[in-house]
C-alpha atoms as a PDB file:
ATOM      1  CA  UNK A   1       3.399 -25.186   0.882  1.00  0.00           C
ATOM      2  CA  UNK A   2       1.846 -28.518  -0.360  1.00  0.00           C
ATOM      3  CA  UNK A   3      -0.108 -29.061  -3.801  1.00  0.00           C
ATOM      4  CA  UNK A   4      -3.800 -29.363  -3.670  1.00  0.00           C
ATOM      5  CA  UNK A   5      -4.707 -32.868  -3.562  1.00  0.00           C
ATOM      6  CA  UNK A   6      -7.139 -32.720  -5.910  1.00  0.00           C
ATOM      7  CA  UNK A   7      -6.229 -32.667 -10.033  1.00  0.00           C
ATOM      8  CA  UNK A   8      -4.765 -29.316 -10.911  1.00  0.00           C
ATOM      9  CA  UNK A   9      -6.685 -27.086 -13.522  1.00  0.00           C
ATOM     10  CA  UNK A  10      -5.304 -27.074 -16.673  1.00  0.00           C
ATOM     11  CA  UNK A  11      -4.548 -24.132 -19.076  1.00  0.00           C
ATOM     12  CA  UNK A  12      -4.654 -24.205 -22.588  1.00  0.00           C
ATOM     13  CA  UNK A  13      -1.340 -23.045 -23.739  1.00  0.00           C
ATOM     14  CA  UNK A  14      -2.143 -21.240 -26.889  1.00  0.00           C
ATOM     15  CA  UNK A  15      -4.281 -18.989 -25.140  1.00  0.00           C
ATOM     16  CA  UNK A  16      -2.225 -18.542 -21.991  1.00  0.00           C
ATOM     17  CA  UNK A  17       0.850 -16.997 -24.653  1.00  0.00           C
ATOM     18  CA  UNK A  18      -1.888 -15.051 -26.827  1.00  0.00           C
ATOM     19  CA  UNK A  19      -2.917 -13.889 -23.256  1.00  0.00           C
ATOM     20  CA  UNK A  20       0.340 -13.009 -22.258  1.00  0.00           C
ATOM     21  CA  UNK A  21       0.909 -11.169 -25.686  1.00  0.00           C
ATOM     22  CA  UNK A  22      -1.978  -9.193 -25.502  1.00  0.00           C
ATOM     23  CA  UNK A  23      -1.890  -7.988 -21.708  1.00  0.00           C
ATOM     24  CA  UNK A  24       1.727  -6.903 -22.278  1.00  0.00           C
ATOM     25  CA  UNK A  25       0.485  -4.993 -25.328  1.00  0.00           C
ATOM     26  CA  UNK A  26      -2.221  -2.929 -23.449  1.00  0.00           C
ATOM     27  CA  UNK A  27       0.373  -2.068 -21.031  1.00  0.00           C
ATOM     28  CA  UNK A  28       2.820  -0.950 -23.855  1.00  0.00           C
ATOM     29  CA  UNK A  29      -0.042   1.333 -25.622  1.00  0.00           C
ATOM     30  CA  UNK A  30      -0.920   2.876 -22.387  1.00  0.00           C
ATOM     31  CA  UNK A  31       2.830   3.659 -21.020  1.00  0.00           C
ATOM     32  CA  UNK A  32       3.140   5.171 -24.289  1.00  0.00           C
ATOM     33  CA  UNK A  33       1.314   7.948 -23.677  1.00  0.00           C
ATOM     34  CA  UNK A  34       2.559   8.854 -20.037  1.00  0.00           C
ATOM     35  CA  UNK A  35       4.416  12.172 -19.614  1.00  0.00           C
ATOM     36  CA  UNK A  36       7.736  12.389 -17.644  1.00  0.00           C
ATOM     37  CA  UNK A  37       5.308  14.291 -14.667  1.00  0.00           C
ATOM     38  CA  UNK A  38       3.237  10.563 -15.158  1.00  0.00           C
ATOM     39  CA  UNK A  39       6.024   8.582 -14.555  1.00  0.00           C
ATOM     40  CA  UNK A  40       7.243  10.563 -11.628  1.00  0.00           C
ATOM     41  CA  UNK A  41       3.843  10.009  -9.765  1.00  0.00           C
ATOM     42  CA  UNK A  42       4.009   7.343  -6.766  1.00  0.00           C
ATOM     43  CA  UNK A  43       2.166   4.178  -6.961  1.00  0.00           C
ATOM     44  CA  UNK A  44       0.538   2.010  -3.680  1.00  0.00           C
ATOM     45  CA  UNK A  45       3.154  -0.341  -3.575  1.00  0.00           C
ATOM     46  CA  UNK A  46       5.577   1.750  -1.132  1.00  0.00           C
ATOM     47  CA  UNK A  47       8.295   4.223  -2.792  1.00  0.00           C
ATOM     48  CA  UNK A  48       8.113   2.832  -6.154  1.00  0.00           C
ATOM     49  CA  UNK A  49       7.005   5.233  -9.118  1.00  0.00           C
ATOM     50  CA  UNK A  50       4.840   5.116 -11.889  1.00  0.00           C
ATOM     51  CA  UNK A  51       8.779   4.412 -13.826  1.00  0.00           C
ATOM     52  CA  UNK A  52       9.494   1.929 -11.368  1.00  0.00           C
ATOM     53  CA  UNK A  53       6.185   0.136 -11.577  1.00  0.00           C
ATOM     54  CA  UNK A  54       6.835   0.026 -15.319  1.00  0.00           C
ATOM     55  CA  UNK A  55      10.228  -1.480 -15.021  1.00  0.00           C
ATOM     56  CA  UNK A  56       8.947  -4.182 -13.461  1.00  0.00           C
ATOM     57  CA  UNK A  57       6.377  -4.981 -15.600  1.00  0.00           C
ATOM     58  CA  UNK A  58       8.851  -5.490 -18.216  1.00  0.00           C
ATOM     59  CA  UNK A  59      11.038  -7.185 -15.738  1.00  0.00           C
ATOM     60  CA  UNK A  60       8.232  -9.686 -15.328  1.00  0.00           C
ATOM     61  CA  UNK A  61       7.989 -10.547 -19.033  1.00  0.00           C
ATOM     62  CA  UNK A  62      12.049 -10.320 -19.100  1.00  0.00           C
ATOM     63  CA  UNK A  63      12.112 -13.107 -16.667  1.00  0.00           C
ATOM     64  CA  UNK A  64      11.084 -15.459 -18.948  1.00  0.00           C
ATOM     65  CA  UNK A  65      14.056 -14.782 -21.231  1.00  0.00           C
ATOM     66  CA  UNK A  66      16.423 -15.007 -17.811  1.00  0.00           C
ATOM     67  CA  UNK A  67      14.872 -18.151 -17.265  1.00  0.00           C
ATOM     68  CA  UNK A  68      15.458 -19.446 -20.950  1.00  0.00           C
ATOM     69  CA  UNK A  69      18.999 -18.508 -20.899  1.00  0.00           C
ATOM     70  CA  UNK A  70      19.507 -20.747 -17.600  1.00  0.00           C
ATOM     71  CA  UNK A  71      21.025 -24.582 -18.046  1.00  0.00           C
ATOM     72  CA  UNK A  72      17.472 -26.642 -18.558  1.00  0.00           C
ATOM     73  CA  UNK A  73      16.882 -28.253 -14.958  1.00  0.00           C
ATOM     74  CA  UNK A  74      16.923 -32.026 -15.089  1.00  0.00           C
ATOM     75  CA  UNK A  75      13.621 -32.960 -13.892  1.00  0.00           C
ATOM     76  CA  UNK A  76      10.664 -30.677 -12.596  1.00  0.00           C
ATOM     77  CA  UNK A  77       9.950 -30.223  -9.003  1.00  0.00           C
ATOM     78  CA  UNK A  78       7.487 -27.688  -8.483  1.00  0.00           C
ATOM     79  CA  UNK A  79       3.789 -27.345  -9.709  1.00  0.00           C
ATOM     80  CA  UNK A  80       2.308 -24.134 -10.767  1.00  0.00           C
ATOM     81  CA  UNK A  81       0.580 -23.689  -7.389  1.00  0.00           C
ATOM     82  CA  UNK A  82       3.655 -23.806  -5.902  1.00  0.00           C
ATOM     83  CA  UNK A  83       4.513 -20.440  -7.339  1.00  0.00           C
ATOM     84  CA  UNK A  84       1.766 -17.978  -5.269  1.00  0.00           C
ATOM     85  CA  UNK A  85       3.462 -19.473  -1.811  1.00  0.00           C
ATOM     86  CA  UNK A  86       7.035 -18.619  -3.489  1.00  0.00           C
ATOM     87  CA  UNK A  87       7.574 -15.492  -4.360  1.00  0.00           C
ATOM     88  CA  UNK A  88       7.495 -13.071  -1.113  1.00  0.00           C
ATOM     89  CA  UNK A  89      10.918 -14.023  -0.095  1.00  0.00           C
ATOM     90  CA  UNK A  90      12.267 -12.124  -2.742  1.00  0.00           C
ATOM     91  CA  UNK A  91      10.990  -9.048  -2.438  1.00  0.00           C
ATOM     92  CA  UNK A  92      14.065  -6.910  -1.521  1.00  0.00           C
ATOM     93  CA  UNK A  93      15.857  -8.575  -4.445  1.00  0.00           C
ATOM     94  CA  UNK A  94      13.174  -7.628  -6.565  1.00  0.00           C
ATOM     95  CA  UNK A  95      12.559  -3.908  -5.534  1.00  0.00           C
ATOM     96  CA  UNK A  96      16.625  -3.856  -6.130  1.00  0.00           C
ATOM     97  CA  UNK A  97      16.475  -5.283  -9.397  1.00  0.00           C
ATOM     98  CA  UNK A  98      13.289  -2.859 -10.516  1.00  0.00           C
ATOM     99  CA  UNK A  99      15.329   0.069  -9.790  1.00  0.00           C
ATOM    100  CA  UNK A 100      18.548  -0.580 -11.411  1.00  0.00           C
ATOM    101  CA  UNK A 101      16.225  -1.375 -14.602  1.00  0.00           C
ATOM    102  CA  UNK A 102      14.383   1.843 -14.191  1.00  0.00           C
ATOM    103  CA  UNK A 103      17.787   3.501 -14.038  1.00  0.00           C
ATOM    104  CA  UNK A 104      19.066   1.410 -16.791  1.00  0.00           C
ATOM    105  CA  UNK A 105      16.440   2.337 -19.356  1.00  0.00           C
ATOM    106  CA  UNK A 106      15.457   6.304 -19.505  1.00  0.00           C
ATOM    107  CA  UNK A 107      13.203   5.251 -22.596  1.00  0.00           C
ATOM    108  CA  UNK A 108      10.293   2.706 -21.293  1.00  0.00           C
ATOM    109  CA  UNK A 109       8.789   2.531 -24.507  1.00  0.00           C
ATOM    110  CA  UNK A 110      12.126   1.206 -26.212  1.00  0.00           C
ATOM    111  CA  UNK A 111      12.508  -1.379 -23.366  1.00  0.00           C
ATOM    112  CA  UNK A 112       9.572  -2.630 -23.626  1.00  0.00           C
ATOM    113  CA  UNK A 113       9.250  -2.639 -27.453  1.00  0.00           C
ATOM    114  CA  UNK A 114      12.676  -5.093 -26.934  1.00  0.00           C
ATOM    115  CA  UNK A 115      10.692  -6.927 -24.439  1.00  0.00           C
ATOM    116  CA  UNK A 116       7.908  -7.463 -26.451  1.00  0.00           C
ATOM    117  CA  UNK A 117       9.940  -8.541 -29.657  1.00  0.00           C
ATOM    118  CA  UNK A 118      12.625 -11.018 -27.713  1.00  0.00           C
ATOM    119  CA  UNK A 119       9.551 -12.616 -25.611  1.00  0.00           C
ATOM    120  CA  UNK A 120       7.743 -13.770 -29.260  1.00  0.00           C
ATOM    121  CA  UNK A 121      11.110 -14.904 -30.817  1.00  0.00           C
ATOM    122  CA  UNK A 122      11.767 -16.973 -27.368  1.00  0.00           C
ATOM    123  CA  UNK A 123       8.218 -17.997 -27.859  1.00  0.00           C
ATOM    124  CA  UNK A 124       8.139 -19.396 -31.307  1.00  0.00           C
ATOM    125  CA  UNK A 125      11.640 -20.995 -30.316  1.00  0.00           C
ATOM    126  CA  UNK A 126      10.829 -23.281 -27.666  1.00  0.00           C
ATOM    127  CA  UNK A 127       8.262 -25.863 -26.602  1.00  0.00           C
ATOM    128  CA  UNK A 128       5.988 -25.124 -23.729  1.00  0.00           C
ATOM    129  CA  UNK A 129       7.250 -28.652 -22.531  1.00  0.00           C
ATOM    130  CA  UNK A 130      11.282 -26.787 -21.591  1.00  0.00           C
ATOM    131  CA  UNK A 131      11.491 -26.884 -17.999  1.00  0.00           C
ATOM    132  CA  UNK A 132      12.500 -23.414 -16.105  1.00  0.00           C
ATOM    133  CA  UNK A 133      14.212 -22.697 -12.936  1.00  0.00           C
ATOM    134  CA  UNK A 134      12.194 -20.217 -10.908  1.00  0.00           C
ATOM    135  CA  UNK A 135      11.955 -18.835  -7.450  1.00  0.00           C
ATOM    136  CA  UNK A 136       9.157 -21.569  -6.994  1.00  0.00           C
ATOM    137  CA  UNK A 137      11.397 -24.671  -8.116  1.00  0.00           C
ATOM    138  CA  UNK A 138      11.671 -26.429 -11.651  1.00  0.00           C
ATOM    139  CA  UNK A 139       8.605 -25.975 -13.992  1.00  0.00           C
ATOM    140  CA  UNK A 140       7.418 -26.143 -17.378  1.00  0.00           C
ATOM    141  CA  UNK A 141       7.790 -23.266 -20.006  1.00  0.00           C
ATOM    142  CA  UNK A 142       4.131 -23.420 -20.212  1.00  0.00           C
ATOM    143  CA  UNK A 143       3.154 -23.198 -16.669  1.00  0.00           C
ATOM    144  CA  UNK A 144       5.250 -20.314 -16.069  1.00  0.00           C
ATOM    145  CA  UNK A 145       3.258 -17.986 -18.416  1.00  0.00           C
ATOM    146  CA  UNK A 146       0.585 -18.903 -16.409  1.00  0.00           C
ATOM    147  CA  UNK A 147       2.125 -16.979 -13.348  1.00  0.00           C
ATOM    148  CA  UNK A 148       3.232 -14.162 -15.883  1.00  0.00           C
ATOM    149  CA  UNK A 149      -0.301 -13.334 -16.555  1.00  0.00           C
ATOM    150  CA  UNK A 150      -0.833 -13.289 -12.818  1.00  0.00           C
ATOM    151  CA  UNK A 151       1.851 -10.651 -12.729  1.00  0.00           C
ATOM    152  CA  UNK A 152       0.562  -8.372 -15.686  1.00  0.00           C
ATOM    153  CA  UNK A 153      -2.856  -8.390 -14.393  1.00  0.00           C
ATOM    154  CA  UNK A 154      -1.950  -7.662 -11.002  1.00  0.00           C
ATOM    155  CA  UNK A 155       0.720  -4.803 -12.296  1.00  0.00           C
ATOM    156  CA  UNK A 156      -1.790  -3.498 -14.460  1.00  0.00           C
ATOM    157  CA  UNK A 157      -4.435  -2.722 -11.875  1.00  0.00           C
ATOM    158  CA  UNK A 158      -1.356  -0.908 -10.011  1.00  0.00           C
ATOM    159  CA  UNK A 159      -0.773   1.762 -12.639  1.00  0.00           C
ATOM    160  CA  UNK A 160      -4.117   1.973 -13.371  1.00  0.00           C
ATOM    161  CA  UNK A 161      -4.561   2.998  -9.751  1.00  0.00           C
ATOM    162  CA  UNK A 162      -1.767   5.331 -10.002  1.00  0.00           C
ATOM    163  CA  UNK A 163      -2.404   7.434 -13.064  1.00  0.00           C
ATOM    164  CA  UNK A 164      -5.677   8.908 -12.805  1.00  0.00           C
ATOM    165  CA  UNK A 165      -8.007   8.072 -16.160  1.00  0.00           C
ATOM    166  CA  UNK A 166      -5.501   5.703 -17.890  1.00  0.00           C
ATOM    167  CA  UNK A 167      -8.138   2.980 -17.956  1.00  0.00           C
ATOM    168  CA  UNK A 168      -5.860  -0.356 -19.477  1.00  0.00           C
ATOM    169  CA  UNK A 169      -7.889  -2.765 -20.435  1.00  0.00           C
ATOM    170  CA  UNK A 170      -7.484  -6.296 -19.377  1.00  0.00           C
ATOM    171  CA  UNK A 171      -7.288  -9.198 -21.466  1.00  0.00           C
ATOM    172  CA  UNK A 172     -10.192 -11.566 -21.108  1.00  0.00           C
ATOM    173  CA  UNK A 173      -8.106 -14.748 -21.068  1.00  0.00           C
ATOM    174  CA  UNK A 174      -5.004 -13.176 -18.648  1.00  0.00           C
ATOM    175  CA  UNK A 175      -7.955 -12.114 -16.270  1.00  0.00           C
ATOM    176  CA  UNK A 176      -9.324 -15.437 -16.382  1.00  0.00           C
ATOM    177  CA  UNK A 177      -5.798 -17.124 -15.924  1.00  0.00           C
ATOM    178  CA  UNK A 178      -4.651 -14.972 -12.845  1.00  0.00           C
ATOM    179  CA  UNK A 179      -8.278 -15.390 -11.058  1.00  0.00           C
ATOM    180  CA  UNK A 180      -8.614 -18.895 -11.529  1.00  0.00           C
ATOM    181  CA  UNK A 181      -4.830 -19.114  -9.871  1.00  0.00           C
ATOM    182  CA  UNK A 182      -5.566 -17.215  -7.352  1.00  0.00           C
ATOM    183  CA  UNK A 183      -8.641 -18.813  -6.561  1.00  0.00           C
ATOM    184  CA  UNK A 184      -6.988 -22.415  -6.618  1.00  0.00           C
ATOM    185  CA  UNK A 185      -4.189 -21.324  -4.105  1.00  0.00           C
ATOM    186  CA  UNK A 186      -6.635 -20.187  -1.834  1.00  0.00           C
ATOM    187  CA  UNK A 187      -8.108 -23.934  -1.742  1.00  0.00           C
ATOM    188  CA  UNK A 188      -4.373 -24.858  -1.185  1.00  0.00           C
ATOM    189  CA  UNK A 189      -3.792 -22.167   1.697  1.00  0.00           C
ATOM    190  CA  UNK A 190      -7.522 -23.069   3.185  1.00  0.00           C
ATOM    191  CA  UNK A 191      -8.147 -26.798   2.216  1.00  0.00           C
ATOM    192  CA  UNK A 192     -11.586 -28.216   3.127  1.00  0.00           C
ATOM    193  CA  UNK A 193     -15.084 -28.548   1.199  1.00  0.00           C
ATOM    194  CA  UNK A 194     -16.784 -26.008   3.865  1.00  0.00           C
ATOM    195  CA  UNK A 195     -17.191 -22.940   1.644  1.00  0.00           C
ATOM    196  CA  UNK A 196     -17.831 -21.924  -1.532  1.00  0.00           C
ATOM    197  CA  UNK A 197     -15.857 -18.820  -2.933  1.00  0.00           C
ATOM    198  CA  UNK A 198     -17.039 -18.385  -6.322  1.00  0.00           C
ATOM    199  CA  UNK A 199     -15.583 -15.298  -8.756  1.00  0.00           C
ATOM    200  CA  UNK A 200     -17.811 -15.336 -11.636  1.00  0.00           C
ATOM    201  CA  UNK A 201     -17.329 -15.773 -14.612  1.00  0.00           C
ATOM    202  CA  UNK A 202     -14.262 -17.628 -14.267  1.00  0.00           C
ATOM    203  CA  UNK A 203     -13.683 -19.304 -10.748  1.00  0.00           C
ATOM    204  CA  UNK A 204     -15.559 -20.930  -8.250  1.00  0.00           C
ATOM    205  CA  UNK A 205     -13.313 -23.279  -5.696  1.00  0.00           C
ATOM    206  CA  UNK A 206     -14.065 -24.928  -2.243  1.00  0.00           C
ATOM    207  CA  UNK A 207     -12.330 -24.347   0.591  1.00  0.00           C
ATOM    208  CA  UNK A 208     -12.199 -24.467   4.353  1.00  0.00           C
ATOM    209  CA  UNK A 209     -11.761 -26.841   7.199  1.00  0.00           C
ATOM    210  CA  UNK A 210     -15.842 -28.027   8.151  1.00  0.00           C
ATOM    211  CA  UNK A 211     -18.708 -29.857   7.106  1.00  0.00           C
ATOM    212  CA  UNK A 212     -18.334 -30.545   3.439  1.00  0.00           C
ATOM    213  CA  UNK A 213     -21.335 -29.296   1.336  1.00  0.00           C
ATOM    214  CA  UNK A 214     -23.053 -31.796  -1.341  1.00  0.00           C
ATOM    215  CA  UNK A 215     -25.896 -30.067  -2.934  1.00  0.00           C
ATOM    216  CA  UNK A 216     -28.354 -27.203  -3.124  1.00  0.00           C
ATOM    217  CA  UNK A 217     -27.000 -23.867  -1.823  1.00  0.00           C
ATOM    218  CA  UNK A 218     -24.120 -24.278   0.056  1.00  0.00           C
ATOM    219  CA  UNK A 219     -24.634 -22.616   3.666  1.00  0.00           C
ATOM    220  CA  UNK A 220     -21.695 -20.510   3.235  1.00  0.00           C
ATOM    221  CA  UNK A 221     -20.585 -18.787   0.154  1.00  0.00           C
ATOM    222  CA  UNK A 222     -18.678 -16.015  -0.857  1.00  0.00           C
ATOM    223  CA  UNK A 223     -18.993 -14.039  -4.470  1.00  0.00           C
ATOM    224  CA  UNK A 224     -17.054 -11.145  -5.626  1.00  0.00           C
ATOM    225  CA  UNK A 225     -15.862  -9.841  -8.960  1.00  0.00           C
ATOM    226  CA  UNK A 226     -12.364 -10.846 -10.363  1.00  0.00           C
ATOM    227  CA  UNK A 227     -10.378  -7.363 -10.050  1.00  0.00           C
ATOM    228  CA  UNK A 228     -11.639  -7.179  -6.256  1.00  0.00           C
ATOM    229  CA  UNK A 229     -10.304 -10.857  -6.053  1.00  0.00           C
ATOM    230  CA  UNK A 230      -7.014 -10.353  -7.501  1.00  0.00           C
ATOM    231  CA  UNK A 231      -6.773  -7.122  -5.409  1.00  0.00           C
ATOM    232  CA  UNK A 232      -7.611  -9.421  -1.843  1.00  0.00           C
ATOM    233  CA  UNK A 233      -5.633 -12.005  -2.923  1.00  0.00           C
ATOM    234  CA  UNK A 234      -2.706 -10.123  -3.424  1.00  0.00           C
ATOM    235  CA  UNK A 235      -3.108  -7.320  -0.664  1.00  0.00           C
ATOM    236  CA  UNK A 236      -4.119  -4.284  -2.384  1.00  0.00           C
ATOM    237  CA  UNK A 237      -7.607  -4.672  -0.675  1.00  0.00           C
ATOM    238  CA  UNK A 238      -8.190  -5.960   2.766  1.00  0.00           C
ATOM    239  CA  UNK A 239     -11.339  -7.761   3.585  1.00  0.00           C
ATOM    240  CA  UNK A 240     -13.491  -6.036   5.940  1.00  0.00           C
ATOM    241  CA  UNK A 241     -12.921  -3.447   3.892  1.00  0.00           C
ATOM    242  CA  UNK A 242     -14.327  -5.234   0.846  1.00  0.00           C
ATOM    243  CA  UNK A 243     -17.071  -6.518   2.991  1.00  0.00           C
ATOM    244  CA  UNK A 244     -17.975  -3.189   4.402  1.00  0.00           C
ATOM    245  CA  UNK A 245     -17.868  -1.522   0.652  1.00  0.00           C
ATOM    246  CA  UNK A 246     -20.112  -4.585  -0.554  1.00  0.00           C
ATOM    247  CA  UNK A 247     -17.416  -5.475  -3.218  1.00  0.00           C
ATOM    248  CA  UNK A 248     -17.632  -9.228  -1.583  1.00  0.00           C
ATOM    249  CA  UNK A 249     -21.113 -10.726  -0.369  1.00  0.00           C
ATOM    250  CA  UNK A 250     -20.207 -13.095   2.518  1.00  0.00           C
ATOM    251  CA  UNK A 251     -22.886 -15.327   4.174  1.00  0.00           C
ATOM    252  CA  UNK A 252     -22.305 -18.247   6.764  1.00  0.00           C
ATOM    253  CA  UNK A 253     -20.440 -19.142   9.578  1.00  0.00           C
ATOM    254  CA  UNK A 254     -17.227 -20.012   7.669  1.00  0.00           C
ATOM    255  CA  UNK A 255     -17.883 -17.672   4.999  1.00  0.00           C
ATOM    256  CA  UNK A 256     -15.111 -15.037   6.798  1.00  0.00           C
ATOM    257  CA  UNK A 257     -11.718 -16.213   4.641  1.00  0.00           C
ATOM    258  CA  UNK A 258      -9.689 -12.730   5.570  1.00  0.00           C
ATOM    259  CA  UNK A 259      -7.713 -14.949   8.030  1.00  0.00           C
ATOM    260  CA  UNK A 260      -6.415 -16.544   4.959  1.00  0.00           C
ATOM    261  CA  UNK A 261      -5.682 -13.235   2.595  1.00  0.00           C
ATOM    262  CA  UNK A 262      -3.703 -11.876   1.058  1.00  0.00           C
ATOM    263  CA  UNK A 263      -2.239 -14.966  -0.549  1.00  0.00           C
ATOM    264  CA  UNK A 264       0.405 -13.136  -2.033  1.00  0.00           C
ATOM    265  CA  UNK A 265       2.238  -9.759  -1.148  1.00  0.00           C
END
């Protein structure tokens, strides 16, 4: 999937780092109170239990560790917007690795605490320009950390859905970065300017081939909230269901973006 032709969105590296650490901290606090019965609950992710999901959240963070342990690539050959489209091919390997992690780390609190401490040390030790080999190609540490906000926000939502009443907060900056990256990914997958997709207060993108709108109220508008958008983009919620439940407002003959969703699965 080629990157967008327009100038890519930029992210403040310091805010991104703080957002990753904050959201992971929210997960750690929530997991610390889970009972063995809660850890054994099913999730909406196939056969994964809550324990498997928590292990995977830790894996999403320690992916930074594993990437930094590898030799630095000679040059960048990927951009941030390549990442959302480069994850599906690794799903089987990720599932196997997740189950092994869950089995190897019966003390999840200790596992997450170690992941948090080592991540902080690594971020202090490495510049954001350091290149990493990722599933999407070689990209900078700063860009890769933006992808970690997606992993953390999406799976925080999965965890909250699996454990009734858990109520894990979303760090505002992490939610913003996740929302924006997935909105920009839609603009890559469905290039054009006929439809405006609004996810207030974080993102507005133009997409879908057709007459480009230039002024006044756009004829084709999609609007939803950040979590609904993230669920649509990752296949947790289906387009028709979200529209029927009034979670999405879609007006105009080109406002049906269902054929382009999900962006990630």
